[in-house]
Structure formats: C-alpha cells, structure tokens
PDB file of N, CA and C in Angstrom:
ATOM      1  N   MET A   1      10.332  12.630 -22.371  1.00  0.00           N
ATOM      2  CA  MET A   1       9.390  14.007 -22.358  1.00  0.00           C
ATOM      3  C   MET A   1       7.844  13.712 -22.053  1.00  0.00           C
ATOM      4  N   ARG A   2       7.735  14.338 -20.950  1.00  0.00           N
ATOM      5  CA  ARG A   2       6.355  14.383 -20.120  1.00  0.00           C
ATOM      6  C   ARG A   2       5.564  15.526 -20.672  1.00  0.00           C
ATOM      7  N   LYS A   3       4.244  15.376 -20.690  1.00  0.00           N
ATOM      8  CA  LYS A   3       3.380  16.370 -21.015  1.00  0.00           C
ATOM      9  C   LYS A   3       2.515  16.768 -19.610  1.00  0.00           C
ATOM     10  N   ILE A   4       2.521  17.866 -19.230  1.00  0.00           N
ATOM     11  CA  ILE A   4       1.547  18.358 -18.009  1.00  0.00           C
ATOM     12  C   ILE A   4      -0.078  19.040 -18.328  1.00  0.00           C
ATOM     13  N   ILE A   5      -0.951  18.129 -17.900  1.00  0.00           N
ATOM     14  CA  ILE A   5      -2.197  18.680 -18.145  1.00  0.00           C
ATOM     15  C   ILE A   5      -2.726  18.695 -17.259  1.00  0.00           C
ATOM     16  N   PHE A   6      -3.659  20.548 -16.830  1.00  0.00           N
ATOM     17  CA  PHE A   6      -4.238  20.477 -15.662  1.00  0.00           C
ATOM     18  C   PHE A   6      -5.893  20.551 -15.444  1.00  0.00           C
ATOM     19  N   TYR A   7      -6.312  19.763 -14.473  1.00  0.00           N
ATOM     20  CA  TYR A   7      -7.535  19.312 -14.342  1.00  0.00           C
ATOM     21  C   TYR A   7      -8.262  20.122 -15.030  1.00  0.00           C
ATOM     22  N   SER A   8      -9.643  19.900 -15.297  1.00  0.00           N
ATOM     23  CA  SER A   8     -10.657  20.617 -15.173  1.00  0.00           C
ATOM     24  C   SER A   8     -11.814  19.864 -14.849  1.00  0.00           C
ATOM     25  N   THR A   9     -12.827  20.604 -14.060  1.00  0.00           N
ATOM     26  CA  THR A   9     -13.811  20.056 -13.702  1.00  0.00           C
ATOM     27  C   THR A   9     -15.027  19.548 -14.690  1.00  0.00           C
ATOM     28  N   VAL A  10     -16.052  19.253 -14.292  1.00  0.00           N
ATOM     29  CA  VAL A  10     -16.933  18.615 -14.877  1.00  0.00           C
ATOM     30  C   VAL A  10     -18.094  20.198 -15.657  1.00  0.00           C
ATOM     31  N   SER A  11     -17.782  20.821 -14.585  1.00  0.00           N
ATOM     32  CA  SER A  11     -18.434  22.360 -14.376  1.00  0.00           C
ATOM     33  C   SER A  11     -17.612  23.460 -15.462  1.00  0.00           C
ATOM     34  N   GLY A  12     -16.264  22.956 -15.789  1.00  0.00           N
ATOM     35  CA  GLY A  12     -15.449  23.796 -16.654  1.00  0.00           C
ATOM     36  C   GLY A  12     -14.730  24.553 -15.835  1.00  0.00           C
ATOM     37  N   GLN A  13     -14.687  24.327 -14.473  1.00  0.00           N
ATOM     38  CA  GLN A  13     -13.861  24.950 -13.525  1.00  0.00           C
ATOM     39  C   GLN A  13     -12.147  24.595 -13.919  1.00  0.00           C
ATOM     40  N   HIS A  14     -11.389  25.290 -13.648  1.00  0.00           N
ATOM     41  CA  HIS A  14      -9.727  25.165 -13.422  1.00  0.00           C
ATOM     42  C   HIS A  14      -8.960  25.385 -12.778  1.00  0.00           C
ATOM     43  N   PRO A  15      -9.226  24.369 -11.608  1.00  0.00           N
ATOM     44  CA  PRO A  15      -8.625  24.791 -10.219  1.00  0.00           C
ATOM     45  C   PRO A  15      -7.062  25.530 -10.392  1.00  0.00           C
ATOM     46  N   ILE A  16      -6.360  24.451 -11.146  1.00  0.00           N
ATOM     47  CA  ILE A  16      -4.719  24.768 -10.927  1.00  0.00           C
ATOM     48  C   ILE A  16      -4.415  25.872 -11.738  1.00  0.00           C
ATOM     49  N   LYS A  17      -5.181  26.296 -12.922  1.00  0.00           N
ATOM     50  CA  LYS A  17      -5.121  27.800 -13.335  1.00  0.00           C
ATOM     51  C   LYS A  17      -5.442  28.974 -12.339  1.00  0.00           C
ATOM     52  N   ASP A  18      -6.520  28.623 -11.889  1.00  0.00           N
ATOM     53  CA  ASP A  18      -7.039  29.765 -10.782  1.00  0.00           C
ATOM     54  C   ASP A  18      -5.924  30.009  -9.849  1.00  0.00           C
ATOM     55  N   PHE A  19      -5.441  28.376  -9.105  1.00  0.00           N
ATOM     56  CA  PHE A  19      -4.246  28.972  -8.246  1.00  0.00           C
ATOM     57  C   PHE A  19      -3.165  29.428  -8.409  1.00  0.00           C
ATOM     58  N   LEU A  20      -2.708  29.280 -10.084  1.00  0.00           N
ATOM     59  CA  LEU A  20      -1.338  30.353 -10.219  1.00  0.00           C
ATOM     60  C   LEU A  20      -1.788  31.514 -10.537  1.00  0.00           C
ATOM     61  N   ASP A  21      -2.740  31.829 -11.064  1.00  0.00           N
ATOM     62  CA  ASP A  21      -3.569  33.214 -11.187  1.00  0.00           C
ATOM     63  C   ASP A  21      -3.255  33.722 -10.137  1.00  0.00           C
ATOM     64  N   GLN A  22      -3.603  33.369  -8.880  1.00  0.00           N
ATOM     65  CA  GLN A  22      -3.674  33.868  -7.510  1.00  0.00           C
ATOM     66  C   GLN A  22      -2.428  34.330  -6.689  1.00  0.00           C
ATOM     67  N   LEU A  23      -1.212  33.843  -7.539  1.00  0.00           N
ATOM     68  CA  LEU A  23      -0.017  33.702  -7.132  1.00  0.00           C
ATOM     69  C   LEU A  23       0.510  35.226  -7.310  1.00  0.00           C
ATOM     70  N   PRO A  24       1.612  35.966  -6.270  1.00  0.00           N
ATOM     71  CA  PRO A  24       2.531  36.932  -7.022  1.00  0.00           C
ATOM     72  C   PRO A  24       3.023  36.391  -8.389  1.00  0.00           C
ATOM     73  N   ALA A  25       3.545  37.218  -8.993  1.00  0.00           N
ATOM     74  CA  ALA A  25       4.690  37.378 -10.407  1.00  0.00           C
ATOM     75  C   ALA A  25       5.613  36.348  -9.938  1.00  0.00           C
ATOM     76  N   LYS A  26       6.324  36.512  -8.706  1.00  0.00           N
ATOM     77  CA  LYS A  26       7.453  35.784  -8.620  1.00  0.00           C
ATOM     78  C   LYS A  26       7.106  34.330  -8.410  1.00  0.00           C
ATOM     79  N   SER A  27       6.197  34.201  -7.536  1.00  0.00           N
ATOM     80  CA  SER A  27       6.046  32.795  -7.165  1.00  0.00           C
ATOM     81  C   SER A  27       5.173  31.838  -8.412  1.00  0.00           C
ATOM     82  N   ALA A  28       4.556  32.343  -9.150  1.00  0.00           N
ATOM     83  CA  ALA A  28       3.881  32.003 -10.358  1.00  0.00           C
ATOM     84  C   ALA A  28       5.112  31.483 -11.377  1.00  0.00           C
ATOM     85  N   GLN A  29       5.745  32.280 -11.625  1.00  0.00           N
ATOM     86  CA  GLN A  29       7.216  31.779 -12.287  1.00  0.00           C
ATOM     87  C   GLN A  29       7.706  31.003 -11.645  1.00  0.00           C
ATOM     88  N   LYS A  30       8.014  31.075 -10.717  1.00  0.00           N
ATOM     89  CA  LYS A  30       8.619  29.781  -9.725  1.00  0.00           C
ATOM     90  C   LYS A  30       8.035  28.145 -10.058  1.00  0.00           C
ATOM     91  N   VAL A  31       6.819  28.466  -9.728  1.00  0.00           N
ATOM     92  CA  VAL A  31       5.980  27.259  -9.949  1.00  0.00           C
ATOM     93  C   VAL A  31       5.919  26.484 -11.501  1.00  0.00           C
ATOM     94  N   THR A  32       5.687  27.292 -12.418  1.00  0.00           N
ATOM     95  CA  THR A  32       5.908  27.238 -13.685  1.00  0.00           C
ATOM     96  C   THR A  32       7.263  26.557 -14.283  1.00  0.00           C
ATOM     97  N   TRP A  33       8.244  27.436 -13.589  1.00  0.00           N
ATOM     98  CA  TRP A  33       9.717  27.175 -14.050  1.00  0.00           C
ATOM     99  C   TRP A  33       9.602  25.316 -13.791  1.00  0.00           C
ATOM    100  N   VAL A  34       9.476  25.008 -12.375  1.00  0.00           N
ATOM    101  CA  VAL A  34       9.092  23.615 -11.977  1.00  0.00           C
ATOM    102  C   VAL A  34       8.383  22.506 -12.682  1.00  0.00           C
ATOM    103  N   LEU A  35       6.928  23.128 -13.144  1.00  0.00           N
ATOM    104  CA  LEU A  35       6.336  22.171 -14.159  1.00  0.00           C
ATOM    105  C   LEU A  35       7.038  22.315 -15.365  1.00  0.00           C
ATOM    106  N   LYS A  36       7.877  23.078 -16.203  1.00  0.00           N
ATOM    107  CA  LYS A  36       8.601  22.987 -16.803  1.00  0.00           C
ATOM    108  C   LYS A  36       9.612  21.817 -16.932  1.00  0.00           C
ATOM    109  N   LEU A  37      10.759  22.063 -15.818  1.00  0.00           N
ATOM    110  CA  LEU A  37      11.666  20.844 -15.518  1.00  0.00           C
ATOM    111  C   LEU A  37      10.780  19.573 -15.778  1.00  0.00           C
ATOM    112  N   VAL A  38       9.609  19.289 -14.883  1.00  0.00           N
ATOM    113  CA  VAL A  38       9.026  18.130 -14.987  1.00  0.00           C
ATOM    114  C   VAL A  38       9.088  17.518 -16.431  1.00  0.00           C
ATOM    115  N   GLU A  39       8.190  18.754 -17.158  1.00  0.00           N
ATOM    116  CA  GLU A  39       8.003  18.235 -18.465  1.00  0.00           C
ATOM    117  C   GLU A  39       9.195  18.042 -19.313  1.00  0.00           C
ATOM    118  N   ASP A  40      10.396  18.545 -19.117  1.00  0.00           N
ATOM    119  CA  ASP A  40      11.506  18.273 -19.855  1.00  0.00           C
ATOM    120  C   ASP A  40      12.431  17.564 -19.656  1.00  0.00           C
ATOM    121  N   LEU A  41      12.829  17.398 -18.470  1.00  0.00           N
ATOM    122  CA  LEU A  41      13.893  16.134 -17.533  1.00  0.00           C
ATOM    123  C   LEU A  41      13.610  14.706 -17.426  1.00  0.00           C
ATOM    124  N   ASP A  42      14.179  13.799 -18.188  1.00  0.00           N
ATOM    125  CA  ASP A  42      13.909  12.551 -17.950  1.00  0.00           C
ATOM    126  C   ASP A  42      14.179  12.054 -16.288  1.00  0.00           C
ATOM    127  N   GLN A  43      14.884  12.597 -15.880  1.00  0.00           N
ATOM    128  CA  GLN A  43      15.194  12.595 -14.397  1.00  0.00           C
ATOM    129  C   GLN A  43      14.797  13.583 -13.403  1.00  0.00           C
ATOM    130  N   VAL A  44      14.004  13.878 -13.227  1.00  0.00           N
ATOM    131  CA  VAL A  44      13.636  14.952 -12.292  1.00  0.00           C
ATOM    132  C   VAL A  44      13.822  14.828 -10.993  1.00  0.00           C
ATOM    133  N   PRO A  45      15.000  15.940 -10.307  1.00  0.00           N
ATOM    134  CA  PRO A  45      15.344  15.453  -8.963  1.00  0.00           C
ATOM    135  C   PRO A  45      13.972  15.452  -7.876  1.00  0.00           C
ATOM    136  N   SER A  46      14.096  14.685  -6.994  1.00  0.00           N
ATOM    137  CA  SER A  46      12.784  14.650  -6.126  1.00  0.00           C
ATOM    138  C   SER A  46      12.928  15.657  -4.956  1.00  0.00           C
ATOM    139  N   LYS A  47      13.676  16.898  -5.217  1.00  0.00           N
ATOM    140  CA  LYS A  47      13.363  18.207  -4.926  1.00  0.00           C
ATOM    141  C   LYS A  47      11.818  18.850  -5.555  1.00  0.00           C
ATOM    142  N   TYR A  48      11.793  18.376  -6.631  1.00  0.00           N
ATOM    143  CA  TYR A  48      10.817  18.915  -7.269  1.00  0.00           C
ATOM    144  C   TYR A  48       9.554  18.146  -7.337  1.00  0.00           C
ATOM    145  N   PHE A  49      10.085  16.715  -7.676  1.00  0.00           N
ATOM    146  CA  PHE A  49       8.876  15.687  -8.237  1.00  0.00           C
ATOM    147  C   PHE A  49       8.958  14.307  -7.631  1.00  0.00           C
ATOM    148  N   LYS A  50       8.127  13.997  -6.855  1.00  0.00           N
ATOM    149  CA  LYS A  50       8.369  12.662  -6.185  1.00  0.00           C
ATOM    150  C   LYS A  50       7.122  12.060  -6.267  1.00  0.00           C
ATOM    151  N   LYS A  51       6.871  10.724  -6.178  1.00  0.00           N
ATOM    152  CA  LYS A  51       5.763   9.819  -5.852  1.00  0.00           C
ATOM    153  C   LYS A  51       5.594   9.799  -4.255  1.00  0.00           C
ATOM    154  N   LEU A  52       4.186  10.369  -4.194  1.00  0.00           N
ATOM    155  CA  LEU A  52       3.840  10.086  -2.589  1.00  0.00           C
ATOM    156  C   LEU A  52       3.361   8.779  -2.073  1.00  0.00           C
ATOM    157  N   VAL A  53       3.936   8.558  -1.088  1.00  0.00           N
ATOM    158  CA  VAL A  53       3.849   7.108  -0.390  1.00  0.00           C
ATOM    159  C   VAL A  53       2.351   6.634   0.005  1.00  0.00           C
ATOM    160  N   ASN A  54       2.177   5.226  -0.454  1.00  0.00           N
ATOM    161  CA  ASN A  54       0.912   4.969   0.057  1.00  0.00           C
ATOM    162  C   ASN A  54      -0.230   6.111  -0.560  1.00  0.00           C
ATOM    163  N   THR A  55      -0.373   6.432  -1.698  1.00  0.00           N
ATOM    164  CA  THR A  55      -1.411   7.068  -2.381  1.00  0.00           C
ATOM    165  C   THR A  55      -1.979   6.473  -3.276  1.00  0.00           C
ATOM    166  N   GLN A  56      -1.948   5.326  -3.660  1.00  0.00           N
ATOM    167  CA  GLN A  56      -2.068   4.732  -4.957  1.00  0.00           C
ATOM    168  C   GLN A  56      -1.838   5.382  -5.908  1.00  0.00           C
ATOM    169  N   GLY A  57      -0.364   6.096  -6.235  1.00  0.00           N
ATOM    170  CA  GLY A  57      -0.144   6.423  -7.521  1.00  0.00           C
ATOM    171  C   GLY A  57      -0.047   8.038  -7.749  1.00  0.00           C
ATOM    172  N   LEU A  58      -0.303   8.920  -6.808  1.00  0.00           N
ATOM    173  CA  LEU A  58      -0.286  10.304  -6.756  1.00  0.00           C
ATOM    174  C   LEU A  58       1.058  10.638  -6.629  1.00  0.00           C
ATOM    175  N   TRP A  59       1.478  11.853  -7.241  1.00  0.00           N
ATOM    176  CA  TRP A  59       2.509  12.502  -7.381  1.00  0.00           C
ATOM    177  C   TRP A  59       2.639  13.871  -6.848  1.00  0.00           C
ATOM    178  N   GLU A  60       4.077  14.288  -6.192  1.00  0.00           N
ATOM    179  CA  GLU A  60       3.860  15.957  -5.927  1.00  0.00           C
ATOM    180  C   GLU A  60       4.666  16.553  -6.655  1.00  0.00           C
ATOM    181  N   VAL A  61       4.332  17.904  -7.291  1.00  0.00           N
ATOM    182  CA  VAL A  61       5.457  18.461  -7.887  1.00  0.00           C
ATOM    183  C   VAL A  61       5.564  19.906  -6.763  1.00  0.00           C
ATOM    184  N   ARG A  62       7.090  20.216  -6.563  1.00  0.00           N
ATOM    185  CA  ARG A  62       6.764  20.490  -5.378  1.00  0.00           C
ATOM    186  C   ARG A  62       8.095  22.278  -6.166  1.00  0.00           C
ATOM    187  N   ALA A  63       7.446  23.484  -5.716  1.00  0.00           N
ATOM    188  CA  ALA A  63       8.327  24.610  -5.586  1.00  0.00           C
ATOM    189  C   ALA A  63       8.463  25.542  -4.494  1.00  0.00           C
ATOM    190  N   SER A  64       9.531  26.332  -4.186  1.00  0.00           N
ATOM    191  CA  SER A  64       9.657  27.048  -3.317  1.00  0.00           C
ATOM    192  C   SER A  64      10.009  28.380  -3.815  1.00  0.00           C
ATOM    193  N   ALA A  65       9.370  29.532  -3.059  1.00  0.00           N
ATOM    194  CA  ALA A  65       9.574  30.798  -3.392  1.00  0.00           C
ATOM    195  C   ALA A  65       9.831  31.791  -2.174  1.00  0.00           C
ATOM    196  N   GLY A  66      11.044  31.881  -1.984  1.00  0.00           N
ATOM    197  CA  GLY A  66      11.625  32.437  -0.840  1.00  0.00           C
ATOM    198  C   GLY A  66      10.935  31.798   0.216  1.00  0.00           C
ATOM    199  N   SER A  67      10.085  32.271   1.365  1.00  0.00           N
ATOM    200  CA  SER A  67       9.874  31.501   2.236  1.00  0.00           C
ATOM    201  C   SER A  67       8.190  30.453   2.052  1.00  0.00           C
ATOM    202  N   ASN A  68       8.039  30.568   0.840  1.00  0.00           N
ATOM    203  CA  ASN A  68       6.592  30.037   0.185  1.00  0.00           C
ATOM    204  C   ASN A  68       6.820  28.529  -0.026  1.00  0.00           C
ATOM    205  N   ILE A  69       6.158  27.962   0.284  1.00  0.00           N
ATOM    206  CA  ILE A  69       6.427  26.285  -0.336  1.00  0.00           C
ATOM    207  C   ILE A  69       5.211  26.120  -1.211  1.00  0.00           C
ATOM    208  N   PHE A  70       5.022  25.620  -2.757  1.00  0.00           N
ATOM    209  CA  PHE A  70       3.829  25.334  -3.369  1.00  0.00           C
ATOM    210  C   PHE A  70       4.012  23.908  -3.738  1.00  0.00           C
ATOM    211  N   ARG A  71       2.624  23.435  -3.516  1.00  0.00           N
ATOM    212  CA  ARG A  71       2.603  21.912  -3.970  1.00  0.00           C
ATOM    213  C   ARG A  71       1.397  21.676  -5.039  1.00  0.00           C
ATOM    214  N   ARG A  72       1.624  20.944  -6.070  1.00  0.00           N
ATOM    215  CA  ARG A  72       0.618  20.185  -6.889  1.00  0.00           C
ATOM    216  C   ARG A  72       0.895  18.844  -6.929  1.00  0.00           C
ATOM    217  N   ILE A  73      -0.295  18.479  -6.815  1.00  0.00           N
ATOM    218  CA  ILE A  73      -0.651  16.780  -6.666  1.00  0.00           C
ATOM    219  C   ILE A  73      -1.588  16.654  -7.888  1.00  0.00           C
ATOM    220  N   GLY A  74      -0.705  15.309  -8.598  1.00  0.00           N
ATOM    221  CA  GLY A  74      -1.319  14.895  -9.758  1.00  0.00           C
ATOM    222  C   GLY A  74      -1.293  13.007  -9.543  1.00  0.00           C
ATOM    223  N   PHE A  75      -1.158  13.080 -10.721  1.00  0.00           N
ATOM    224  CA  PHE A  75      -1.135  11.508 -11.322  1.00  0.00           C
ATOM    225  C   PHE A  75      -0.475  11.524 -12.945  1.00  0.00           C
ATOM    226  N   PHE A  76      -0.309  10.010 -13.177  1.00  0.00           N
ATOM    227  CA  PHE A  76       0.024   9.790 -14.421  1.00  0.00           C
ATOM    228  C   PHE A  76      -1.207   9.494 -15.356  1.00  0.00           C
ATOM    229  N   ASP A  77      -1.377   9.508 -16.369  1.00  0.00           N
ATOM    230  CA  ASP A  77      -2.578   8.915 -17.232  1.00  0.00           C
ATOM    231  C   ASP A  77      -1.202   8.262 -18.398  1.00  0.00           C
ATOM    232  N   GLY A  78      -1.093   7.009 -18.208  1.00  0.00           N
ATOM    233  CA  GLY A  78      -0.224   6.607 -19.392  1.00  0.00           C
ATOM    234  C   GLY A  78       1.020   6.772 -18.512  1.00  0.00           C
ATOM    235  N   PRO A  79       2.303   6.594 -19.788  1.00  0.00           N
ATOM    236  CA  PRO A  79       3.556   6.661 -19.194  1.00  0.00           C
ATOM    237  C   PRO A  79       4.159   8.172 -19.130  1.00  0.00           C
ATOM    238  N   ASN A  80       3.464   8.940 -19.931  1.00  0.00           N
ATOM    239  CA  ASN A  80       4.034  10.829 -20.187  1.00  0.00           C
ATOM    240  C   ASN A  80       3.077  11.209 -20.107  1.00  0.00           C
ATOM    241  N   ILE A  81       2.010  11.317 -19.310  1.00  0.00           N
ATOM    242  CA  ILE A  81       1.168  12.183 -19.219  1.00  0.00           C
ATOM    243  C   ILE A  81       0.727  12.531 -17.521  1.00  0.00           C
ATOM    244  N   VAL A  82       1.000  13.694 -17.510  1.00  0.00           N
ATOM    245  CA  VAL A  82       1.187  13.706 -15.947  1.00  0.00           C
ATOM    246  C   VAL A  82      -0.241  15.138 -15.880  1.00  0.00           C
ATOM    247  N   VAL A  83      -1.389  14.780 -14.668  1.00  0.00           N
ATOM    248  CA  VAL A  83      -2.407  15.359 -14.616  1.00  0.00           C
ATOM    249  C   VAL A  83      -2.382  15.819 -13.075  1.00  0.00           C
ATOM    250  N   VAL A  84      -2.314  17.478 -13.704  1.00  0.00           N
ATOM    251  CA  VAL A  84      -2.231  18.006 -11.956  1.00  0.00           C
ATOM    252  C   VAL A  84      -3.591  18.480 -11.957  1.00  0.00           C
ATOM    253  N   ALA A  85      -4.010  17.915 -10.568  1.00  0.00           N
ATOM    254  CA  ALA A  85      -5.437  17.931 -10.201  1.00  0.00           C
ATOM    255  C   ALA A  85      -5.454  18.889  -8.893  1.00  0.00           C
ATOM    256  N   HIS A  86      -4.363  19.430  -8.103  1.00  0.00           N
ATOM    257  CA  HIS A  86      -4.765  19.925  -6.661  1.00  0.00           C
ATOM    258  C   HIS A  86      -3.380  20.664  -6.501  1.00  0.00           C
ATOM    259  N   ALA A  87      -3.229  21.942  -6.136  1.00  0.00           N
ATOM    260  CA  ALA A  87      -2.652  22.997  -5.753  1.00  0.00           C
ATOM    261  C   ALA A  87      -3.093  23.564  -4.531  1.00  0.00           C
ATOM    262  N   PHE A  88      -1.842  23.672  -3.661  1.00  0.00           N
ATOM    263  CA  PHE A  88      -1.869  24.343  -2.513  1.00  0.00           C
ATOM    264  C   PHE A  88      -0.619  25.139  -1.900  1.00  0.00           C
ATOM    265  N   GLN A  89      -0.458  25.725  -1.071  1.00  0.00           N
ATOM    266  CA  GLN A  89       0.604  26.378  -0.585  1.00  0.00           C
ATOM    267  C   GLN A  89       0.919  25.834   0.780  1.00  0.00           C
ATOM    268  N   LYS A  90       1.577  25.412   1.021  1.00  0.00           N
ATOM    269  CA  LYS A  90       2.080  24.395   2.380  1.00  0.00           C
ATOM    270  C   LYS A  90       2.548  25.504   3.362  1.00  0.00           C
ATOM    271  N   LYS A  91       1.649  25.105   4.434  1.00  0.00           N
ATOM    272  CA  LYS A  91       1.983  26.196   5.590  1.00  0.00           C
ATOM    273  C   LYS A  91       2.622  25.018   6.666  1.00  0.00           C
ATOM    274  N   THR A  92       2.376  23.728   6.917  1.00  0.00           N
ATOM    275  CA  THR A  92       2.670  23.335   7.876  1.00  0.00           C
ATOM    276  C   THR A  92       3.486  21.635   7.522  1.00  0.00           C
ATOM    277  N   GLN A  93       3.961  20.761   8.360  1.00  0.00           N
ATOM    278  CA  GLN A  93       4.161  19.646   8.486  1.00  0.00           C
ATOM    279  C   GLN A  93       3.628  18.711   7.821  1.00  0.00           C
ATOM    280  N   LYS A  94       2.381  18.728   7.932  1.00  0.00           N
ATOM    281  CA  LYS A  94       1.420  18.138   7.803  1.00  0.00           C
ATOM    282  C   LYS A  94       0.989  17.793   6.580  1.00  0.00           C
ATOM    283  N   HIS A  95       0.762  16.543   6.043  1.00  0.00           N
ATOM    284  CA  HIS A  95       0.221  16.501   4.302  1.00  0.00           C
ATOM    285  C   HIS A  95      -1.298  16.910   4.650  1.00  0.00           C
ATOM    286  N   LEU A  96      -2.538  17.133   3.825  1.00  0.00           N
ATOM    287  CA  LEU A  96      -3.726  17.615   4.180  1.00  0.00           C
ATOM    288  C   LEU A  96      -4.148  16.007   3.480  1.00  0.00           C
ATOM    289  N   LYS A  97      -5.054  15.382   4.424  1.00  0.00           N
ATOM    290  CA  LYS A  97      -5.417  13.988   4.220  1.00  0.00           C
ATOM    291  C   LYS A  97      -6.427  13.972   3.390  1.00  0.00           C
ATOM    292  N   GLU A  98      -7.604  15.112   3.969  1.00  0.00           N
ATOM    293  CA  GLU A  98      -8.787  14.698   3.010  1.00  0.00           C
ATOM    294  C   GLU A  98      -8.561  15.431   1.886  1.00  0.00           C
ATOM    295  N   PRO A  99      -7.761  16.395   1.215  1.00  0.00           N
ATOM    296  CA  PRO A  99      -7.514  16.952  -0.225  1.00  0.00           C
ATOM    297  C   PRO A  99      -6.861  15.288  -0.970  1.00  0.00           C
ATOM    298  N   LEU A 100      -6.098  14.599  -0.320  1.00  0.00           N
ATOM    299  CA  LEU A 100      -5.247  13.619  -0.645  1.00  0.00           C
ATOM    300  C   LEU A 100      -6.472  12.412  -1.014  1.00  0.00           C
ATOM    301  N   LYS A 101      -7.378  12.699  -0.212  1.00  0.00           N
ATOM    302  CA  LYS A 101      -8.202  11.175  -0.030  1.00  0.00           C
ATOM    303  C   LYS A 101      -9.447  11.681  -1.572  1.00  0.00           C
ATOM    304  N   LEU A 102      -9.761  12.877  -1.411  1.00  0.00           N
ATOM    305  CA  LEU A 102     -10.739  13.496  -2.504  1.00  0.00           C
ATOM    306  C   LEU A 102      -9.891  13.051  -3.843  1.00  0.00           C
ATOM    307  N   LEU A 103      -8.854  13.675  -4.017  1.00  0.00           N
ATOM    308  CA  LEU A 103      -8.010  13.727  -5.091  1.00  0.00           C
ATOM    309  C   LEU A 103      -8.072  11.888  -5.719  1.00  0.00           C
ATOM    310  N   LYS A 104      -7.597  10.871  -4.751  1.00  0.00           N
ATOM    311  CA  LYS A 104      -7.851   9.500  -5.392  1.00  0.00           C
ATOM    312  C   LYS A 104      -9.260   9.413  -5.723  1.00  0.00           C
ATOM    313  N   GLU A 105     -10.333   9.731  -5.234  1.00  0.00           N
ATOM    314  CA  GLU A 105     -11.427   9.457  -6.008  1.00  0.00           C
ATOM    315  C   GLU A 105     -11.504  10.058  -7.222  1.00  0.00           C
ATOM    316  N   GLU A 106     -10.898  11.406  -7.279  1.00  0.00           N
ATOM    317  CA  GLU A 106     -11.006  12.259  -8.511  1.00  0.00           C
ATOM    318  C   GLU A 106     -10.377  11.275  -9.690  1.00  0.00           C
ATOM    319  N   LYS A 107      -9.308  10.394  -9.579  1.00  0.00           N
ATOM    320  CA  LYS A 107      -7.998   9.984 -10.282  1.00  0.00           C
ATOM    321  C   LYS A 107      -9.154   8.968 -10.774  1.00  0.00           C
ATOM    322  N   LYS A 108      -9.769   8.219  -9.706  1.00  0.00           N
ATOM    323  CA  LYS A 108     -10.598   6.959 -10.195  1.00  0.00           C
ATOM    324  C   LYS A 108     -11.732   7.451 -11.207  1.00  0.00           C
ATOM    325  N   THR A 109     -12.312   8.570 -10.916  1.00  0.00           N
ATOM    326  CA  THR A 109     -13.277   9.093 -12.069  1.00  0.00           C
ATOM    327  C   THR A 109     -12.504   9.650 -13.803  1.00  0.00           C
ATOM    328  N   ILE A 110     -11.551  10.187 -13.517  1.00  0.00           N
ATOM    329  CA  ILE A 110     -11.125  10.924 -14.426  1.00  0.00           C
ATOM    330  C   ILE A 110     -10.515   9.756 -15.339  1.00  0.00           C
ATOM    331  N   LEU A 111      -9.965   8.846 -14.318  1.00  0.00           N
ATOM    332  CA  LEU A 111      -9.143   7.571 -15.408  1.00  0.00           C
ATOM    333  C   LEU A 111      -9.976   6.386 -15.873  1.00  0.00           C
ATOM    334  N   GLY A 112     -11.236   6.526 -15.554  1.00  0.00           N
ATOM    335  CA  GLY A 112     -12.464   5.694 -15.673  1.00  0.00           C
ATOM    336  C   GLY A 112     -12.091   3.924 -14.844  1.00  0.00           C
ATOM    337  N   GLY A 113     -11.652   4.350 -13.294  1.00  0.00           N
ATOM    338  CA  GLY A 113     -11.637   3.482 -12.533  1.00  0.00           C
ATOM    339  C   GLY A 113     -10.023   2.404 -12.442  1.00  0.00           C
ATOM    340  N   LYS A 114      -9.315   2.832 -13.599  1.00  0.00           N
ATOM    341  CA  LYS A 114      -7.762   2.498 -13.539  1.00  0.00           C
ATOM    342  C   LYS A 114      -7.102   2.432 -12.205  1.00  0.00           C
TER     343      LYS A 114
END
C-alpha cells in the first residue's frame, strides 16, 4: 500500500487541493478514484500511474473524465509515500517541460537533495 501526500508550499498554499477544488464534481470524483487506486493497488495499471522517462524519478497519475485528461505529477519519498506536487489538465500531446523542470528542483528541496 502507498500513501499519497499533497505537496504544500512554504507559504502554506496547497496547489493540488486547489486544483481538485476547481474541477467539476464528476471530474474531481474520477481524479480522486484514480488516486485511491494508486494508494490501494500493489500493481497499478500504467494507464493510471507510470514513471516518466528521463525525469529523475517523477511519476504521473493520470485520469480521464469524458474528453478531459488530468495529470498529477509527483515522486516517491521512500518506498511507499507518493508526494503529488503538480496538477494540470492536459490539452495537447506535448508535456509541459517547464513545470517538469521546476518540479525536479522542488523535489530536491523537499527531499533535501536526495
């Protein structure tokens, strides 16, 4: 079993919680369901949870609701804790390079250089 933790900034902001609060109820319900799968299943289908290539240990949690695709990016802190630190609605086939670069730096800060 894994535990999912939402990242909070030094100033006390909660970007993942804020992202979920802005979603329509049905979309938020689907995103929450997928997060629960990640917590509960030993082997989560790659459709929902997969390691991003060439990102120094970043993982993507994916959910679809209708034609909307939602991504949450995070990393492991130890073997069973997933820190979800960035969320967005995917609208193109390209990944957002700048947010991934920033998240790599935040990961170093959060984990103390690990």
